Amino acid sequence: MKKNDLDEIRYQIAEVLSQKPNLIKTFTFKGKEYGFHPKLEDISLGEYIDLDQYLKEPYMNAEKVLGVLYRPITKKMFGRYDIENYDPDVHDGLGFQDLGTDILLGCLLFFYRLEINLQVTFLQSLEKEEKEIPLMSNLNSPESGVGMEQYIKLLKVISSNLKE
């Protein structure tokens, strides 16, 4: 292989790996406008169960994941929108295989970032709680939490590296 060809391949791979796709909230597909679930905290039990199952293998179930998260917009006003209620028989994602991968990758990265932020918040909460509780020397390590501060700092460094 020529050096120029190898350099070009390296450049293209570096370009792809450096991209950080953002969450695409709305898009138009086959004449219909679709929107990302506007209130994930209000997700129904059926949506949660299906999404949890599909996200175990997100690339194999990409269309189904998108079918749960993106549905036709029913009402749009002042930058906000409502989407159709979830029906697993209707919102199965069929046809979404023709979409670009940027939409799926944006969703997956959104959930990945959310998970990292929740873990960091949890660790910060533990750190704050640890400072408020006086350390008793007569307790053994599992009960007193001795060593937790170093563990929390290690997890913070790891999570900050994952965010990049």
Protein backbone atom coordinates (compact mmCIF):
# COMPACT_ATOMS: atom_id res chain seq x y z
CA MET A 1 0.00 0.00 0.00
CA LYS A 2 1.27 3.45 -0.87
CA LYS A 3 2.02 5.86 1.94
CA ASN A 4 -0.34 8.47 0.48
CA ASP A 5 -3.19 5.93 0.45
CA LEU A 6 -2.45 4.92 4.03
CA ASP A 7 -2.38 8.57 5.13
CA GLU A 8 -5.72 9.19 3.40
CA ILE A 9 -7.30 6.19 5.17
CA ARG A 10 -5.94 7.38 8.52
CA TYR A 11 -7.30 10.86 7.87
CA GLN A 12 -10.77 9.53 6.98
CA ILE A 13 -10.89 7.24 10.04
CA ALA A 14 -9.77 10.09 12.32
CA GLU A 15 -12.43 12.34 10.77
CA VAL A 16 -15.20 9.82 11.42
CA LEU A 17 -14.05 9.08 14.98
CA SER A 18 -13.78 12.78 15.86
CA GLN A 19 -17.41 13.48 14.96
CA LYS A 20 -19.78 13.77 17.90
CA PRO A 21 -23.32 13.63 16.54
CA ASN A 22 -25.91 15.66 18.40
CA LEU A 23 -29.42 14.55 19.17
CA ILE A 24 -31.69 15.31 16.23
CA LYS A 25 -34.99 16.40 17.76
CA THR A 26 -37.08 16.59 14.58
CA PHE A 27 -36.73 15.46 10.99
CA THR A 28 -38.92 15.03 7.93
CA PHE A 29 -39.10 11.58 6.37
CA LYS A 30 -41.30 10.59 3.45
CA GLY A 31 -43.38 13.75 3.79
CA LYS A 32 -44.04 13.35 7.54
CA GLU A 33 -42.42 15.31 10.32
CA TYR A 34 -41.17 13.19 13.22
CA GLY A 35 -40.14 14.35 16.67
CA PHE A 36 -38.01 12.86 19.45
CA HIS A 37 -40.06 12.03 22.54
CA PRO A 38 -40.47 15.51 24.09
CA LYS A 39 -40.83 14.36 27.72
CA LEU A 40 -38.82 11.26 28.53
CA GLU A 41 -39.82 11.56 32.19
CA ASP A 42 -43.41 10.91 31.09
CA ILE A 43 -42.59 7.82 29.04
CA SER A 44 -45.22 5.08 29.36
CA LEU A 45 -44.51 1.65 30.80
CA GLY A 46 -44.94 0.06 27.36
CA GLU A 47 -42.48 2.50 25.79
CA TYR A 48 -39.99 1.87 28.59
CA ILE A 49 -40.23 -1.91 28.35
CA ASP A 50 -39.87 -1.92 24.55
CA LEU A 51 -37.02 0.59 24.58
CA ASP A 52 -35.20 -1.30 27.34
CA GLN A 53 -35.47 -4.51 25.33
CA TYR A 54 -34.42 -2.93 22.02
CA LEU A 55 -31.45 -1.07 23.51
CA LYS A 56 -29.87 -4.35 24.58
CA GLU A 57 -28.83 -4.69 20.93
CA PRO A 58 -29.27 -1.16 19.56
CA TYR A 59 -27.73 -1.78 16.14
CA MET A 60 -29.78 -4.91 15.48
CA ASN A 61 -32.96 -3.10 16.61
CA ALA A 62 -32.14 0.37 15.26
CA GLU A 63 -35.46 0.85 13.46
CA LYS A 64 -37.44 -0.31 16.48
CA VAL A 65 -35.52 2.03 18.80
CA LEU A 66 -36.27 4.91 16.44
CA GLY A 67 -39.91 3.82 16.22
CA VAL A 68 -40.29 4.18 19.99
CA LEU A 69 -38.37 7.45 20.31
CA TYR A 70 -39.50 9.23 17.13
CA ARG A 71 -43.15 9.53 16.21
CA PRO A 72 -45.16 11.78 13.92
CA ILE A 73 -45.68 15.29 15.27
CA THR A 74 -49.34 16.04 15.93
CA LYS A 75 -49.13 19.63 17.15
CA LYS A 76 -46.36 22.23 16.96
CA MET A 77 -46.33 25.61 18.68
CA PHE A 78 -43.63 28.05 19.86
CA GLY A 79 -40.78 25.57 19.28
CA ARG A 80 -42.53 22.79 21.19
CA TYR A 81 -44.40 19.84 19.80
CA ASP A 82 -46.55 16.85 20.69
CA ILE A 83 -46.17 13.42 19.13
CA GLU A 84 -48.58 10.56 18.57
CA ASN A 85 -49.29 8.28 21.51
CA TYR A 86 -47.24 5.10 21.41
CA ASP A 87 -48.78 2.06 19.77
CA PRO A 88 -46.30 -0.81 19.35
CA ASP A 89 -48.20 -2.16 16.35
CA VAL A 90 -48.05 1.18 14.52
CA HIS A 91 -44.75 2.64 15.76
CA ASP A 92 -42.54 -0.33 14.93
CA GLY A 93 -39.95 1.68 12.99
CA LEU A 94 -40.59 -0.08 9.70
CA GLY A 95 -39.26 2.11 6.93
CA PHE A 96 -36.72 3.83 9.18
CA GLN A 97 -33.96 1.60 7.78
CA ASP A 98 -33.65 4.19 4.99
CA LEU A 99 -32.68 6.92 7.50
CA GLY A 100 -29.08 7.93 7.99
CA THR A 101 -27.16 6.59 10.95
CA ASP A 102 -26.71 10.11 12.34
CA ILE A 103 -30.18 9.97 13.91
CA LEU A 104 -29.55 6.66 15.70
CA LEU A 105 -26.03 7.63 16.77
CA GLY A 106 -27.33 10.95 18.10
CA CYS A 107 -29.90 9.05 20.22
CA LEU A 108 -27.37 6.55 21.53
CA LEU A 109 -24.89 9.30 22.35
CA PHE A 110 -27.64 11.26 24.10
CA PHE A 111 -28.42 8.30 26.39
CA TYR A 112 -24.72 7.59 26.90
CA ARG A 113 -24.07 11.19 27.99
CA LEU A 114 -27.14 11.11 30.22
CA GLU A 115 -25.87 7.94 31.89
CA ILE A 116 -22.42 9.45 32.46
CA ASN A 117 -23.90 12.66 33.90
CA LEU A 118 -26.14 10.67 36.25
CA GLN A 119 -23.18 8.62 37.45
CA VAL A 120 -21.10 11.75 38.08
CA THR A 121 -23.99 13.39 39.96
CA PHE A 122 -24.42 10.24 42.05
CA LEU A 123 -20.70 10.17 42.86
CA GLN A 124 -20.71 13.85 43.81
CA SER A 125 -23.66 13.20 46.09
CA LEU A 126 -21.78 10.34 47.76
CA GLU A 127 -18.73 12.54 48.18
CA LYS A 128 -20.80 15.28 49.82
CA GLU A 129 -22.49 12.74 52.10
CA GLU A 130 -19.12 11.24 53.05
CA LYS A 131 -17.83 14.64 54.18
CA GLU A 132 -20.90 15.20 56.36
CA ILE A 133 -20.61 11.87 58.20
CA PRO A 134 -17.84 11.75 60.83
CA LEU A 135 -15.47 8.82 60.41
CA MET A 136 -15.50 6.35 63.32
CA SER A 137 -12.31 4.44 63.81
CA ASN A 138 -13.92 1.36 65.39
CA LEU A 139 -15.90 0.39 62.28
CA ASN A 140 -14.49 -1.91 59.67
CA SER A 141 -13.95 -0.75 56.08
CA PRO A 142 -17.18 -1.99 54.41
CA GLU A 143 -19.32 -0.37 57.09
CA SER A 144 -17.43 2.90 57.44
CA GLY A 145 -16.69 3.52 53.78
CA VAL A 146 -12.94 3.80 54.29
CA GLY A 147 -11.34 4.11 50.87
CA MET A 148 -14.48 5.41 49.19
CA GLU A 149 -12.98 8.87 48.60
CA GLN A 150 -10.18 7.45 46.46
CA TYR A 151 -12.64 5.22 44.62
CA ILE A 152 -14.95 8.16 43.90
CA LYS A 153 -12.03 10.25 42.61
CA LEU A 154 -10.98 7.39 40.33
CA LEU A 155 -14.50 7.04 38.94
CA LYS A 156 -14.66 10.82 38.34
CA VAL A 157 -11.44 10.70 36.30
CA ILE A 158 -12.71 7.73 34.32
CA SER A 159 -16.08 9.36 33.64
CA SER A 160 -14.48 12.66 32.58
CA ASN A 161 -12.33 10.73 30.11
CA LEU A 162 -15.43 8.98 28.78
CA LYS A 163 -17.19 12.31 28.25
CA GLU A 164 -14.44 13.42 25.89
